[in-house]
Amino acid sequence: MIKIERTTLRVKKIQQSKNGPFAVANLFTEIGEFKVKDSLLDQFDEGEYQATVWISEIYLGQYVAYGRAVAEVRAKLHDIRVESASELDEAPEPPEPDPIDEIEAPRATRRPEKPSRQPATPPTTQPQKDVDRAGSTGDLSDLKSALQGIGRKAKPELQAKSPINLAELFGVELCVRIRQREPVKLDSTVDRALFRRQAATLREELGYEFDPMQQTFNPVN
């Protein structure tokens, strides 16, 4: 694990993908410039971030897309701590393939991991059996029955939203926090397509916005 302070992460949001919007970034550090395509970026808005990063791997990524072959030095992020954020200057960017669809060539080079102070462990994913107990009909009234006695009732405007199966999408623990309009921190180690759906649902359906400093979604009102 390599910890690098005073880095700049330029995050670019890509909207055109059948799997939903995603993000890629250029990481500028004192040891070089790297491309970052990790799933944890998908919750970030487009912008320029000053941050401390923990890099678990540096390798050569290669792919073919849009009629061109591309080789790039990539950094895999274990964690990131954002100190400040600003808007990204408008500049033409080449199209980017979705990392979910991208088929990489075999990794040519790796840098051995170095011991370093470990950042906080990401939150664990809710076990599937808890989701199953909450019901699988997709009806929020079923979830309400399953969670009787846990916290206060959801706000009426949240119940009036489109019938999203919150228990299936987020797991029971996060579902309870959402219904109580509490801050929510997503687990970026889950399936990347699921992670994107969670972030998009919080923003577009449930009235949350992302705080890059805390990497937490907060209710707008």
Protein backbone atom coordinates (compact mmCIF):
# COMPACT_ATOMS: atom_id res chain seq x y z
CA MET A 1 0.00 0.00 0.00
CA ILE A 2 1.33 3.43 -0.99
CA LYS A 3 0.03 6.57 0.70
CA ILE A 4 0.50 9.81 -1.25
CA GLU A 5 -0.51 13.22 0.04
CA ARG A 6 -1.15 16.44 -1.89
CA THR A 7 -2.45 14.77 -5.03
CA THR A 8 -4.84 16.18 -7.63
CA LEU A 9 -7.68 14.02 -8.94
CA ARG A 10 -9.45 15.33 -12.05
CA VAL A 11 -12.73 13.43 -12.27
CA LYS A 12 -14.61 13.30 -15.58
CA LYS A 13 -18.23 12.10 -15.66
CA ILE A 14 -19.25 10.00 -18.67
CA GLN A 15 -23.00 9.90 -19.31
CA GLN A 16 -23.26 7.69 -22.39
CA SER A 17 -23.24 4.10 -21.16
CA LYS A 18 -25.85 1.35 -21.17
CA ASN A 19 -24.77 0.58 -17.60
CA GLY A 20 -25.44 4.11 -16.37
CA PRO A 21 -23.18 7.16 -15.91
CA PHE A 22 -19.66 6.46 -14.66
CA ALA A 23 -16.52 8.39 -13.83
CA VAL A 24 -12.84 8.15 -14.71
CA ALA A 25 -10.01 10.35 -13.46
CA ASN A 26 -6.47 11.51 -14.01
CA LEU A 27 -4.40 11.34 -10.84
CA PHE A 28 -1.45 13.73 -10.55
CA THR A 29 1.10 12.84 -7.87
CA GLU A 30 4.72 13.55 -6.98
CA ILE A 31 5.72 10.15 -8.43
CA GLY A 32 3.84 10.48 -11.73
CA GLU A 33 0.49 10.74 -13.48
CA PHE A 34 -1.94 7.83 -13.53
CA LYS A 35 -5.34 6.92 -14.92
CA VAL A 36 -7.95 5.84 -12.36
CA LYS A 37 -11.04 3.82 -13.30
CA ASP A 38 -12.14 2.47 -9.91
CA SER A 39 -15.81 2.09 -9.02
CA LEU A 40 -15.56 4.42 -6.00
CA LEU A 41 -15.27 7.33 -8.47
CA ASP A 42 -18.78 6.67 -9.81
CA GLN A 43 -20.35 8.43 -6.82
CA PHE A 44 -18.29 11.60 -7.36
CA ASP A 45 -19.45 14.62 -9.32
CA GLU A 46 -17.25 15.92 -12.09
CA GLY A 47 -14.56 18.20 -10.71
CA GLU A 48 -11.01 18.65 -9.49
CA TYR A 49 -10.20 17.28 -6.04
CA GLN A 50 -7.17 17.82 -3.82
CA ALA A 51 -6.74 14.63 -1.84
CA THR A 52 -4.65 12.06 -0.03
CA VAL A 53 -4.85 8.68 -1.72
CA TRP A 54 -3.90 5.13 -0.84
CA ILE A 55 -2.76 3.16 -3.90
CA SER A 56 -2.89 -0.63 -3.74
CA GLU A 57 -1.55 -1.30 -7.23
CA ILE A 58 0.10 0.41 -10.22
CA TYR A 59 -0.07 -1.41 -13.54
CA LEU A 60 -0.16 -1.00 -17.31
CA GLY A 61 -3.70 -1.11 -18.69
CA GLN A 62 -4.35 -1.72 -22.38
CA TYR A 63 -7.59 -1.76 -24.35
CA VAL A 64 -9.03 -1.17 -27.82
CA ALA A 65 -12.02 1.15 -28.25
CA TYR A 66 -13.40 3.59 -30.83
CA GLY A 67 -10.95 2.35 -33.43
CA ARG A 68 -7.84 3.03 -31.37
CA ALA A 69 -5.52 1.04 -29.17
CA VAL A 70 -4.72 2.65 -25.83
CA ALA A 71 -2.06 1.85 -23.25
CA GLU A 72 -2.09 3.75 -19.97
CA VAL A 73 -0.45 3.53 -16.56
CA ARG A 74 -3.24 2.99 -14.04
CA ALA A 75 -3.44 3.30 -10.28
CA LYS A 76 -5.90 1.23 -8.28
CA LEU A 77 -7.14 3.20 -5.28
CA HIS A 78 -7.75 1.52 -1.95
CA ASP A 79 -9.11 4.71 -0.42
CA ILE A 80 -9.20 8.48 -0.88
CA ARG A 81 -9.51 11.39 1.53
CA VAL A 82 -10.65 14.62 -0.12
CA GLU A 83 -9.41 17.93 1.29
CA SER A 84 -10.96 20.35 -1.21
CA ALA A 85 -12.98 20.37 -4.42
CA SER A 86 -13.47 22.74 -7.33
CA GLU A 87 -15.18 22.76 -10.70
CA LEU A 88 -13.43 21.17 -13.63
CA ASP A 89 -12.27 23.49 -16.41
CA GLU A 90 -14.08 22.71 -19.62
CA ALA A 91 -11.77 20.98 -22.07
CA PRO A 92 -12.34 18.51 -24.89
CA GLU A 93 -11.88 14.97 -23.67
CA PRO A 94 -11.48 11.80 -25.77
CA PRO A 95 -14.34 9.29 -25.42
CA GLU A 96 -13.91 6.70 -22.70
CA PRO A 97 -15.18 3.10 -22.74
CA ASP A 98 -17.17 1.90 -19.76
CA PRO A 99 -14.82 -0.07 -17.44
CA ILE A 100 -17.59 -2.65 -17.01
CA ASP A 101 -17.51 -3.42 -20.76
CA GLU A 102 -13.79 -2.93 -21.22
CA ILE A 103 -11.74 -6.04 -21.88
CA GLU A 104 -8.18 -5.40 -20.84
CA ALA A 105 -5.09 -7.04 -22.25
CA PRO A 106 -3.02 -8.98 -19.69
CA ARG A 107 -1.36 -6.68 -17.21
CA ALA A 108 2.22 -6.20 -18.24
CA THR A 109 3.83 -4.62 -15.21
CA ARG A 110 3.07 -4.36 -11.54
CA ARG A 111 4.74 -2.50 -8.73
CA PRO A 112 4.99 -4.54 -5.53
CA GLU A 113 2.89 -3.30 -2.68
CA LYS A 114 4.62 -1.40 0.09
CA PRO A 115 3.57 -1.50 3.71
CA SER A 116 1.79 1.63 4.85
CA ARG A 117 -0.68 2.79 7.42
CA GLN A 118 -4.04 1.31 6.56
CA PRO A 119 -7.00 3.70 6.07
CA ALA A 120 -10.37 3.00 7.52
CA THR A 121 -12.00 -0.24 6.38
CA PRO A 122 -14.98 0.31 4.01
CA PRO A 123 -18.40 -0.52 5.45
CA THR A 124 -19.47 -4.12 5.09
CA THR A 125 -22.24 -5.15 2.74
CA GLN A 126 -25.54 -6.22 4.27
CA PRO A 127 -25.89 -10.04 4.13
CA GLN A 128 -28.37 -11.26 1.54
CA LYS A 129 -30.36 -13.23 4.10
CA ASP A 130 -31.33 -9.95 5.80
CA VAL A 131 -32.60 -8.63 2.50
CA ASP A 132 -34.62 -11.79 1.94
CA ARG A 133 -36.26 -11.44 5.35
CA ALA A 134 -37.33 -7.91 4.46
CA GLY A 135 -39.43 -9.20 1.57
CA SER A 136 -38.97 -9.41 -2.18
CA THR A 137 -42.20 -7.97 -3.55
CA GLY A 138 -40.72 -4.49 -4.15
CA ASP A 139 -43.59 -2.93 -2.16
CA LEU A 140 -42.46 -0.44 0.48
CA SER A 141 -45.43 -1.41 2.67
CA ASP A 142 -43.98 -4.93 3.01
CA LEU A 143 -40.69 -3.44 4.11
CA LYS A 144 -42.48 -1.25 6.63
CA SER A 145 -44.08 -4.32 8.22
CA ALA A 146 -40.76 -6.14 8.35
CA LEU A 147 -39.08 -3.21 10.07
CA GLN A 148 -41.82 -2.28 12.57
CA GLY A 149 -40.39 -0.84 15.76
CA ILE A 150 -37.10 0.25 14.15
CA GLY A 151 -36.81 4.03 14.27
CA ARG A 152 -39.41 6.54 13.18
CA LYS A 153 -41.61 6.24 10.10
CA ALA A 154 -40.45 7.47 6.73
CA LYS A 155 -41.57 10.87 5.60
CA PRO A 156 -44.77 10.82 3.48
CA GLU A 157 -42.98 12.34 0.48
CA LEU A 158 -40.47 9.48 0.51
CA GLN A 159 -43.27 6.90 0.60
CA ALA A 160 -44.87 8.62 -2.37
CA LYS A 161 -41.81 8.04 -4.56
CA SER A 162 -41.87 5.47 -7.34
CA PRO A 163 -42.02 1.88 -6.03
CA ILE A 164 -38.31 1.22 -5.53
CA ASN A 165 -37.37 -1.98 -3.74
CA LEU A 166 -35.09 -0.26 -1.24
CA ALA A 167 -34.34 -3.44 0.71
CA GLU A 168 -33.18 -5.25 -2.42
CA LEU A 169 -31.19 -2.30 -3.74
CA PHE A 170 -29.49 -1.15 -0.53
CA GLY A 171 -29.93 -3.89 2.09
CA VAL A 172 -32.01 -3.51 5.24
CA GLU A 173 -29.49 -1.47 7.28
CA LEU A 174 -29.09 1.28 4.67
CA CYS A 175 -32.78 1.07 3.83
CA VAL A 176 -33.70 1.98 7.42
CA ARG A 177 -31.31 4.95 7.32
CA ILE A 178 -32.82 6.15 4.05
CA ARG A 179 -36.37 5.89 5.37
CA GLN A 180 -35.32 7.92 8.41
CA ARG A 181 -33.62 10.51 6.16
CA GLU A 182 -30.19 9.93 7.68
CA PRO A 183 -26.78 10.22 5.94
CA VAL A 184 -25.81 7.18 3.89
CA LYS A 185 -22.32 5.88 3.06
CA LEU A 186 -22.21 3.38 0.19
CA ASP A 187 -19.89 0.39 -0.07
CA SER A 188 -17.86 0.75 -3.29
CA THR A 189 -16.73 -2.90 -3.12
CA VAL A 190 -20.14 -4.20 -4.24
CA ASP A 191 -20.83 -5.00 -7.90
CA ARG A 192 -20.05 -1.88 -9.92
CA ALA A 193 -23.37 -1.80 -11.79
CA LEU A 194 -25.23 -2.10 -8.45
CA PHE A 195 -23.08 0.67 -6.95
CA ARG A 196 -24.04 2.98 -9.81
CA ARG A 197 -27.73 2.22 -9.37
CA GLN A 198 -27.49 2.97 -5.66
CA ALA A 199 -25.78 6.33 -6.23
CA ALA A 200 -28.17 7.32 -9.02
CA THR A 201 -31.24 6.35 -6.97
CA LEU A 202 -30.08 8.41 -3.99
CA ARG A 203 -29.52 11.45 -6.18
CA GLU A 204 -32.40 11.26 -8.64
CA GLU A 205 -35.18 9.50 -6.73
CA LEU A 206 -34.57 9.97 -3.00
CA GLY A 207 -33.36 13.57 -2.70
CA TYR A 208 -29.76 13.04 -1.55
CA GLU A 209 -26.55 14.81 -2.55
CA PHE A 210 -22.97 13.59 -2.31
CA ASP A 211 -20.41 15.12 0.10
CA PRO A 212 -16.95 14.30 -1.33
CA MET A 213 -15.17 15.23 1.90
CA GLN A 214 -17.01 12.57 3.90
CA GLN A 215 -17.84 10.36 0.88
CA THR A 216 -21.37 10.29 2.24
CA PHE A 217 -24.78 11.00 0.74
CA ASN A 218 -26.80 13.52 2.77
CA PRO A 219 -30.53 14.28 2.48
CA VAL A 220 -31.12 17.65 0.86
CA ASN A 221 -34.08 18.45 3.12
